[in-house]
C-alpha atoms as a PDB file:
ATOM      1  CA  MET A   1     174.238 -64.712  50.371  1.00  0.00           C
ATOM      2  CA  ASP A   2     175.006 -68.410  50.167  1.00  0.00           C
ATOM      3  CA  ALA A   3     171.605 -70.104  50.146  1.00  0.00           C
ATOM      4  CA  HIS A   4     173.107 -73.595  50.065  1.00  0.00           C
ATOM      5  CA  ALA A   5     175.184 -72.991  53.217  1.00  0.00           C
ATOM      6  CA  GLN A   6     172.380 -70.848  54.732  1.00  0.00           C
ATOM      7  CA  VAL A   7     174.747 -67.931  55.394  1.00  0.00           C
ATOM      8  CA  LEU A   8     174.226 -64.245  54.759  1.00  0.00           C
ATOM      9  CA  THR A   9     177.273 -61.994  55.089  1.00  0.00           C
ATOM     10  CA  VAL A  10     176.499 -58.365  55.826  1.00  0.00           C
ATOM     11  CA  LYS A  11     179.225 -55.754  55.449  1.00  0.00           C
ATOM     12  CA  ASN A  12     179.003 -52.854  57.885  1.00  0.00           C
ATOM     13  CA  ARG A  13     181.031 -49.663  57.825  1.00  0.00           C
ATOM     14  CA  TYR A  14     181.162 -47.426  60.861  1.00  0.00           C
ATOM     15  CA  SER A  15     182.399 -43.863  60.501  1.00  0.00           C
ATOM     16  CA  LEU A  16     183.146 -41.284  63.146  1.00  0.00           C
ATOM     17  CA  PHE A  17     182.944 -37.691  61.941  1.00  0.00           C
ATOM     18  CA  SER A  18     184.044 -34.441  63.498  1.00  0.00           C
ATOM     19  CA  LYS A  19     181.654 -31.523  63.860  1.00  0.00           C
ATOM     20  CA  SER A  20     183.084 -30.162  60.616  1.00  0.00           C
ATOM     21  CA  CYS A  21     182.217 -33.468  58.863  1.00  0.00           C
ATOM     22  CA  LYS A  22     185.794 -34.711  58.559  1.00  0.00           C
ATOM     23  CA  THR A  23     186.214 -38.440  58.877  1.00  0.00           C
ATOM     24  CA  LEU A  24     188.049 -39.195  62.103  1.00  0.00           C
ATOM     25  CA  GLU A  25     187.853 -42.980  62.091  1.00  0.00           C
ATOM     26  CA  GLU A  26     186.405 -45.757  59.983  1.00  0.00           C
ATOM     27  CA  GLU A  27     185.924 -49.406  60.724  1.00  0.00           C
ATOM     28  CA  GLU A  28     184.508 -52.194  58.603  1.00  0.00           C
ATOM     29  CA  ARG A  29     183.097 -55.455  59.878  1.00  0.00           C
ATOM     30  CA  ASP A  30     181.610 -58.499  58.243  1.00  0.00           C
ATOM     31  CA  VAL A  31     178.719 -60.040  60.140  1.00  0.00           C
ATOM     32  CA  LYS A  32     177.738 -63.585  59.222  1.00  0.00           C
ATOM     33  CA  LEU A  33     174.107 -64.448  59.792  1.00  0.00           C
ATOM     34  CA  LEU A  34     173.148 -68.108  59.787  1.00  0.00           C
ATOM     35  CA  TRP A  35     169.591 -69.216  59.337  1.00  0.00           C
ATOM     36  CA  PHE A  36     167.785 -72.415  60.096  1.00  0.00           C
ATOM     37  CA  TYR A  37     164.544 -73.726  58.728  1.00  0.00           C
ATOM     38  CA  PRO A  38     161.785 -74.670  61.190  1.00  0.00           C
ATOM     39  CA  HIS A  39     162.315 -78.412  60.712  1.00  0.00           C
ATOM     40  CA  GLU A  40     166.035 -77.940  61.507  1.00  0.00           C
ATOM     41  CA  TYR A  41     165.231 -76.102  64.760  1.00  0.00           C
ATOM     42  CA  HIS A  42     162.758 -78.842  65.629  1.00  0.00           C
ATOM     43  CA  LEU A  43     165.453 -81.523  65.225  1.00  0.00           C
ATOM     44  CA  LEU A  44     168.104 -79.477  67.067  1.00  0.00           C
ATOM     45  CA  LEU A  45     165.807 -78.924  70.040  1.00  0.00           C
ATOM     46  CA  GLU A  46     164.802 -82.575  70.242  1.00  0.00           C
ATOM     47  CA  GLU A  47     168.397 -83.786  69.876  1.00  0.00           C
ATOM     48  CA  SER A  48     169.390 -81.383  72.687  1.00  0.00           C
ATOM     49  CA  GLY A  49     166.840 -82.895  75.064  1.00  0.00           C
ATOM     50  CA  PHE A  50     164.000 -80.398  74.736  1.00  0.00           C
ATOM     51  CA  GLU A  51     160.313 -81.183  74.407  1.00  0.00           C
ATOM     52  CA  ILE A  52     158.519 -78.863  72.007  1.00  0.00           C
ATOM     53  CA  GLU A  53     155.317 -77.548  73.537  1.00  0.00           C
ATOM     54  CA  ALA A  54     154.245 -75.219  70.720  1.00  0.00           C
ATOM     55  CA  ILE A  55     155.410 -73.660  67.455  1.00  0.00           C
ATOM     56  CA  TYR A  56     154.001 -70.372  66.193  1.00  0.00           C
ATOM     57  CA  ALA A  57     154.466 -68.322  63.039  1.00  0.00           C
ATOM     58  CA  ASP A  58     155.631 -64.712  63.049  1.00  0.00           C
ATOM     59  CA  PHE A  59     154.807 -64.022  66.741  1.00  0.00           C
ATOM     60  CA  GLU A  60     151.111 -64.238  65.876  1.00  0.00           C
ATOM     61  CA  PHE A  61     150.243 -67.652  67.377  1.00  0.00           C
ATOM     62  CA  GLU A  62     149.399 -68.877  63.872  1.00  0.00           C
ATOM     63  CA  PRO A  63     150.475 -72.216  62.342  1.00  0.00           C
ATOM     64  CA  LEU A  64     153.646 -72.355  60.252  1.00  0.00           C
ATOM     65  CA  ASP A  65     153.393 -72.439  56.486  1.00  0.00           C
ATOM     66  CA  GLU A  66     155.788 -72.049  53.552  1.00  0.00           C
ATOM     67  CA  LEU A  67     155.576 -68.233  53.766  1.00  0.00           C
ATOM     68  CA  THR A  68     156.418 -67.974  57.462  1.00  0.00           C
ATOM     69  CA  ALA A  69     159.304 -65.548  57.912  1.00  0.00           C
ATOM     70  CA  TYR A  70     159.854 -66.169  61.639  1.00  0.00           C
ATOM     71  CA  ALA A  71     159.065 -69.128  63.838  1.00  0.00           C
ATOM     72  CA  VAL A  72     158.672 -69.124  67.618  1.00  0.00           C
ATOM     73  CA  PHE A  73     159.413 -72.381  69.430  1.00  0.00           C
ATOM     74  CA  VAL A  74     158.182 -72.933  72.971  1.00  0.00           C
ATOM     75  CA  ALA A  75     160.217 -75.789  74.423  1.00  0.00           C
ATOM     76  CA  ARG A  76     160.999 -77.222  77.822  1.00  0.00           C
ATOM     77  CA  LYS A  77     164.132 -79.128  78.813  1.00  0.00           C
ATOM     78  CA  SER A  78     163.199 -82.779  79.295  1.00  0.00           C
ATOM     79  CA  SER A  79     163.628 -84.109  82.816  1.00  0.00           C
ATOM     80  CA  ASN A  80     165.279 -87.308  81.528  1.00  0.00           C
END
């Protein structure tokens, strides 16, 4: 995890086994997950021409706070 760059790299290994449990194939993949903080999403939406109608915390229709794990943005594309 690179907190400064806001990137989490997850390593996944996929294995295909025969009925007798012999490994037939293996594949590894790195998946990079980027995260944004609520204020960054707010700016990105506004800069992209969206009007923010509501912001909720954790799919519970609660206000955001410093412990909010997930934020839901309800936005509409501006008609300008």
